[in-house]
């Protein structure tokens, strides 16, 4: 990819394949871009309250992530029931962990993984993990119960959203400043979209 093309597209993260996105290297690249962009914003737009922008963005992001609506990370429809619909276990019908154990290891694993929770362990452990959702909303569940790959993807998606928002603000306020930022940033942190 030519340098000039990169400058015009580096913020279009939705065009990058998920196999490239789901890596620590890509996350580090994004973090460097975000750090540089934040610093650039503080210098060129000192009256912008970046912390307030990020707080609002975080709230919106959590809702979008839960609904599978984060740009570039959307749940892709296939025309059939989603995995979560197929694997849904209505916890209202279960009063104890033992009742959930009766579902068996595969059904429990499906129900857990459909919710991005760890699906391993004994049948008893799986049932306990799923039963936690009876009284605790998924978003309030301890992170240790979630599958690790999904945590990384969510972190990466949030950094992408923050980066895009700051790019939008810079472009709205001062397109020339954004161009200068893009040129400098691209020069310092090249990453091929592939």
Protein backbone atom coordinates (compact mmCIF):
# COMPACT_ATOMS: atom_id res chain seq x y z
CA UNK A 1 0.00 0.00 0.00
CA UNK A 2 1.32 3.41 -0.90
CA UNK A 3 1.92 5.93 1.84
CA UNK A 4 -0.64 8.42 0.50
CA UNK A 5 -3.29 5.69 0.39
CA UNK A 6 -2.51 4.69 3.96
CA UNK A 7 -2.93 8.26 5.19
CA UNK A 8 -6.39 8.37 3.69
CA UNK A 9 -7.49 5.02 5.09
CA UNK A 10 -5.74 4.33 8.40
CA UNK A 11 -8.87 5.14 10.42
CA UNK A 12 -11.06 2.79 8.35
CA UNK A 13 -10.54 -0.12 10.69
CA UNK A 14 -13.73 -1.86 9.60
CA UNK A 15 -11.90 -2.82 6.39
CA UNK A 16 -9.24 -4.78 8.27
CA UNK A 17 -9.86 -8.52 8.50
CA UNK A 18 -10.75 -9.97 11.89
CA UNK A 19 -7.80 -12.34 11.71
CA UNK A 20 -5.45 -9.33 11.71
CA UNK A 21 -7.48 -7.41 14.27
CA UNK A 22 -7.52 -10.14 16.90
CA UNK A 23 -3.82 -9.86 17.66
CA UNK A 24 -1.78 -8.19 20.36
CA UNK A 25 0.34 -6.55 17.65
CA UNK A 26 -2.71 -4.81 16.19
CA UNK A 27 -3.88 -3.76 19.65
CA UNK A 28 -0.48 -2.22 20.39
CA UNK A 29 -0.55 -0.43 17.04
CA UNK A 30 -3.98 1.03 17.84
CA UNK A 31 -2.91 2.04 21.34
CA UNK A 32 0.06 3.94 19.88
CA UNK A 33 -2.20 5.68 17.38
CA UNK A 34 -4.72 6.56 20.11
CA UNK A 35 -2.00 7.82 22.43
CA UNK A 36 -0.54 9.99 19.71
CA UNK A 37 -3.97 11.20 18.61
CA UNK A 38 -4.94 12.09 22.18
CA UNK A 39 -1.70 14.03 22.62
CA UNK A 40 -2.30 15.77 19.31
CA UNK A 41 -5.84 16.70 20.41
CA UNK A 42 -4.59 18.17 23.68
CA UNK A 43 -2.15 20.34 21.74
CA UNK A 44 -4.44 21.44 18.89
CA UNK A 45 -7.83 21.46 20.62
CA UNK A 46 -7.08 22.22 24.29
CA UNK A 47 -10.69 23.14 25.07
CA UNK A 48 -12.00 19.70 24.09
CA UNK A 49 -12.77 17.61 27.17
CA UNK A 50 -11.33 14.30 25.99
CA UNK A 51 -12.11 12.52 29.26
CA UNK A 52 -15.77 13.50 28.94
CA UNK A 53 -15.79 12.38 25.30
CA UNK A 54 -14.30 9.01 26.24
CA UNK A 55 -16.70 8.53 29.18
CA UNK A 56 -19.72 9.09 26.94
CA UNK A 57 -18.18 6.92 24.24
CA UNK A 58 -17.53 4.08 26.71
CA UNK A 59 -21.18 4.06 27.73
CA UNK A 60 -22.38 4.00 24.13
CA UNK A 61 -19.81 1.36 23.27
CA UNK A 62 -20.93 -1.03 26.03
CA UNK A 63 -24.49 -0.95 24.74
CA UNK A 64 -23.40 -1.36 21.11
CA UNK A 65 -21.05 -4.23 22.02
CA UNK A 66 -23.78 -6.04 23.96
CA UNK A 67 -26.07 -5.71 20.93
CA UNK A 68 -23.38 -6.70 18.41
CA UNK A 69 -23.55 -3.29 16.72
CA UNK A 70 -20.00 -1.94 17.01
CA UNK A 71 -18.91 -0.91 13.49
CA UNK A 72 -16.54 -3.50 12.10
CA UNK A 73 -17.48 -5.97 14.85
CA UNK A 74 -21.18 -6.47 14.10
CA UNK A 75 -22.78 -9.87 14.47
CA UNK A 76 -23.09 -11.09 10.93
CA UNK A 77 -26.60 -12.37 10.14
CA UNK A 78 -26.84 -15.65 8.28
CA UNK A 79 -30.57 -15.83 7.85
CA UNK A 80 -30.93 -18.52 10.50
CA UNK A 81 -31.21 -18.25 14.25
CA UNK A 82 -28.19 -16.74 15.92
CA UNK A 83 -26.01 -18.93 18.08
CA UNK A 84 -27.36 -17.23 21.19
CA UNK A 85 -30.96 -17.91 20.15
CA UNK A 86 -30.23 -21.56 19.40
CA UNK A 87 -28.34 -22.02 22.65
CA UNK A 88 -30.66 -19.98 24.84
CA UNK A 89 -31.36 -21.46 28.21
CA UNK A 90 -34.11 -19.59 30.00
CA UNK A 91 -32.78 -19.37 33.54
CA UNK A 92 -36.22 -18.48 34.88
CA UNK A 93 -37.08 -22.18 34.64
CA UNK A 94 -34.14 -23.26 36.83
CA UNK A 95 -33.94 -22.75 40.58
CA UNK A 96 -30.72 -24.58 41.38
CA UNK A 97 -27.37 -25.41 39.85
CA UNK A 98 -28.32 -29.09 40.06
CA UNK A 99 -31.28 -28.51 37.75
CA UNK A 100 -28.95 -26.93 35.20
CA UNK A 101 -26.54 -29.89 35.47
CA UNK A 102 -29.33 -32.04 34.03
CA UNK A 103 -28.98 -30.17 30.71
CA UNK A 104 -25.69 -31.99 30.15
CA UNK A 105 -22.21 -30.77 29.27
CA UNK A 106 -22.81 -29.89 25.61
CA UNK A 107 -25.96 -27.84 26.14
CA UNK A 108 -24.29 -25.98 29.01
CA UNK A 109 -21.22 -25.32 26.89
CA UNK A 110 -23.37 -23.97 24.04
CA UNK A 111 -25.29 -21.71 26.41
CA UNK A 112 -22.07 -20.38 27.96
CA UNK A 113 -20.18 -19.79 24.72
CA UNK A 114 -23.21 -18.09 23.17
CA UNK A 115 -22.82 -15.53 25.95
CA UNK A 116 -19.02 -15.27 25.44
CA UNK A 117 -18.42 -17.07 28.74
CA UNK A 118 -15.88 -19.81 29.29
CA UNK A 119 -17.34 -23.12 28.21
CA UNK A 120 -14.83 -25.49 29.80
CA UNK A 121 -14.69 -27.32 33.09
CA UNK A 122 -16.82 -30.01 34.63
CA UNK A 123 -20.57 -30.13 34.15
CA UNK A 124 -20.93 -28.79 37.70
CA UNK A 125 -18.57 -25.86 37.00
CA UNK A 126 -20.37 -25.03 33.77
CA UNK A 127 -23.74 -25.10 35.51
CA UNK A 128 -22.46 -22.86 38.32
CA UNK A 129 -21.06 -20.37 35.80
CA UNK A 130 -24.33 -20.25 33.87
CA UNK A 131 -26.40 -20.03 37.06
CA UNK A 132 -24.52 -16.84 38.00
CA UNK A 133 -26.56 -15.13 35.28
CA UNK A 134 -29.80 -15.86 37.09
CA UNK A 135 -29.15 -12.98 39.51
CA UNK A 136 -26.29 -11.06 37.86
CA UNK A 137 -26.54 -9.26 34.51
CA UNK A 138 -23.94 -10.39 31.99
CA UNK A 139 -22.25 -6.97 31.90
CA UNK A 140 -21.76 -7.05 35.70
CA UNK A 141 -20.30 -10.54 35.79
CA UNK A 142 -16.68 -10.88 36.93
CA UNK A 143 -14.35 -10.85 33.90
CA UNK A 144 -12.76 -14.13 34.99
CA UNK A 145 -15.86 -15.94 33.70
CA UNK A 146 -15.48 -14.65 30.14
CA UNK A 147 -13.57 -16.33 27.35
CA UNK A 148 -10.24 -14.57 26.93
CA UNK A 149 -10.38 -14.08 23.16
CA UNK A 150 -13.56 -12.06 23.46
CA UNK A 151 -11.98 -9.73 26.03
CA UNK A 152 -9.16 -8.91 23.63
CA UNK A 153 -11.59 -8.30 20.78
CA UNK A 154 -13.69 -6.01 22.94
CA UNK A 155 -10.62 -4.04 24.08
CA UNK A 156 -9.49 -3.67 20.47
CA UNK A 157 -12.95 -2.59 19.34
CA UNK A 158 -13.08 0.08 22.07
CA UNK A 159 -9.70 1.50 21.08
CA UNK A 160 -10.86 1.58 17.45
CA UNK A 161 -14.02 3.46 18.43
CA UNK A 162 -12.04 5.99 20.48
CA UNK A 163 -9.57 6.52 17.66
CA UNK A 164 -12.34 7.01 15.10
CA UNK A 165 -14.16 9.49 17.33
CA UNK A 166 -11.07 11.62 17.82
CA UNK A 167 -10.42 11.51 14.07
CA UNK A 168 -13.99 12.69 13.45
CA UNK A 169 -13.60 15.57 15.91
CA UNK A 170 -10.32 16.65 14.39
CA UNK A 171 -11.75 16.46 10.90
CA UNK A 172 -14.80 18.53 11.92
CA UNK A 173 -12.86 21.17 13.79
CA UNK A 174 -9.83 21.46 11.59
CA UNK A 175 -9.44 19.25 8.52
CA UNK A 176 -5.92 20.57 7.97
CA UNK A 177 -4.90 19.62 11.53
CA UNK A 178 -6.31 16.17 10.95
CA UNK A 179 -4.29 15.84 7.76
CA UNK A 180 -1.10 16.88 9.59
CA UNK A 181 -1.88 14.37 12.33
CA UNK A 182 -2.53 11.60 9.81
CA UNK A 183 0.72 12.27 7.99
CA UNK A 184 2.75 12.29 11.20
CA UNK A 185 0.98 9.32 12.72
CA UNK A 186 1.25 7.20 9.60
CA UNK A 187 4.93 7.97 9.35
CA UNK A 188 5.56 6.99 12.97
CA UNK A 189 3.33 3.89 13.14
CA UNK A 190 2.98 2.15 9.79
CA UNK A 191 0.69 -0.88 9.77
CA UNK A 192 -0.32 -2.54 6.57
CA UNK A 193 -4.04 -3.24 6.21
CA UNK A 194 -3.26 -6.24 4.03
